[in-house]
């Protein structure tokens, strides 16, 4: 799958059957995800798993609200490319 991108320069890359790399400006995040065989959704994204991708410079703690916002942005980017995703903790 090609990267999903928006006008603000944020992008999403699906890393195989599980895992998503999300780039927001200079910050790079990793989210756990899982592909589904479900009539309603094709993927689930776990907001509780949001963390910095490897050793992203300037890494700080990520609040629960930020994690939810990141996961919701990822879901919106996926939807833009026709991937139906649900969010779970």
Protein backbone atom coordinates (compact mmCIF):
# COMPACT_ATOMS: atom_id res chain seq x y z
CA UNK A 1 0.00 0.00 0.00
CA UNK A 2 1.23 3.47 -0.78
CA UNK A 3 1.58 5.94 2.05
CA UNK A 4 -1.57 7.88 2.91
CA UNK A 5 -0.79 11.59 3.14
CA UNK A 6 -2.70 14.78 3.87
CA UNK A 7 -2.18 18.45 3.03
CA UNK A 8 -0.43 19.07 6.38
CA UNK A 9 2.31 16.60 5.46
CA UNK A 10 1.21 13.84 7.84
CA UNK A 11 1.52 10.31 6.51
CA UNK A 12 0.71 6.73 7.41
CA UNK A 13 2.56 3.59 6.36
CA UNK A 14 1.15 0.13 7.11
CA UNK A 15 4.00 -2.12 8.22
CA UNK A 16 2.80 -5.54 7.11
CA UNK A 17 -0.14 -7.25 8.83
CA UNK A 18 0.35 -5.43 12.12
CA UNK A 19 1.84 -2.07 12.93
CA UNK A 20 1.57 1.42 11.53
CA UNK A 21 4.17 4.14 11.17
CA UNK A 22 2.69 7.64 11.45
CA UNK A 23 4.74 10.71 10.56
CA UNK A 24 3.56 14.09 11.82
CA UNK A 25 6.01 16.79 10.79
CA UNK A 26 9.31 15.64 12.36
CA UNK A 27 7.79 13.26 14.90
CA UNK A 28 7.48 9.61 13.98
CA UNK A 29 5.14 7.29 15.89
CA UNK A 30 4.39 3.57 15.95
CA UNK A 31 0.90 2.19 16.59
CA UNK A 32 -0.08 -1.44 16.99
CA UNK A 33 -2.75 -2.49 14.54
CA UNK A 34 -4.34 -5.65 13.29
CA UNK A 35 -5.86 -6.57 9.95
CA UNK A 36 -9.40 -7.94 10.23
CA UNK A 37 -11.70 -10.10 8.20
CA UNK A 38 -14.85 -8.33 9.26
CA UNK A 39 -17.80 -6.93 7.27
CA UNK A 40 -17.59 -3.57 9.09
CA UNK A 41 -13.84 -2.92 9.39
CA UNK A 42 -10.64 -3.99 7.65
CA UNK A 43 -8.29 -2.94 10.44
CA UNK A 44 -8.22 -2.06 14.11
CA UNK A 45 -5.82 0.57 15.48
CA UNK A 46 -4.86 0.42 19.17
CA UNK A 47 -4.50 3.95 20.56
CA UNK A 48 -3.04 2.73 23.86
CA UNK A 49 0.03 1.46 22.00
CA UNK A 50 1.09 4.82 20.52
CA UNK A 51 4.80 5.37 21.09
CA UNK A 52 7.68 7.05 19.33
CA UNK A 53 9.12 5.07 16.43
CA UNK A 54 12.55 3.88 17.56
CA UNK A 55 14.53 6.83 18.92
CA UNK A 56 12.72 9.82 17.48
CA UNK A 57 14.68 12.99 18.40
CA UNK A 58 12.95 15.07 21.05
CA UNK A 59 10.89 12.16 22.35
CA UNK A 60 8.71 13.05 25.32
CA UNK A 61 5.89 11.30 27.13
CA UNK A 62 2.70 11.06 25.11
CA UNK A 63 -0.53 11.77 27.02
CA UNK A 64 -3.63 9.61 26.57
CA UNK A 65 -5.42 12.49 24.83
CA UNK A 66 -2.51 12.87 22.38
CA UNK A 67 -2.53 9.10 21.75
CA UNK A 68 -6.25 9.17 20.95
CA UNK A 69 -5.78 12.20 18.66
CA UNK A 70 -2.91 10.45 16.84
CA UNK A 71 -4.97 7.27 16.38
CA UNK A 72 -7.96 9.26 15.11
CA UNK A 73 -5.72 11.07 12.60
CA UNK A 74 -4.33 7.71 11.43
CA UNK A 75 -7.88 6.37 10.98
CA UNK A 76 -8.86 9.45 8.97
CA UNK A 77 -5.82 9.05 6.71
CA UNK A 78 -6.61 5.37 6.19
CA UNK A 79 -10.24 6.21 5.38
CA UNK A 80 -9.03 8.66 2.74
CA UNK A 81 -7.54 5.65 0.93
CA UNK A 82 -10.63 3.50 1.43
CA UNK A 83 -9.46 1.48 4.44
CA UNK A 84 -12.15 1.12 7.09
CA UNK A 85 -10.51 1.14 10.53
CA UNK A 86 -11.81 1.03 14.08
CA UNK A 87 -10.08 2.36 17.18
CA UNK A 88 -9.54 0.41 20.40
CA UNK A 89 -7.44 0.92 23.50
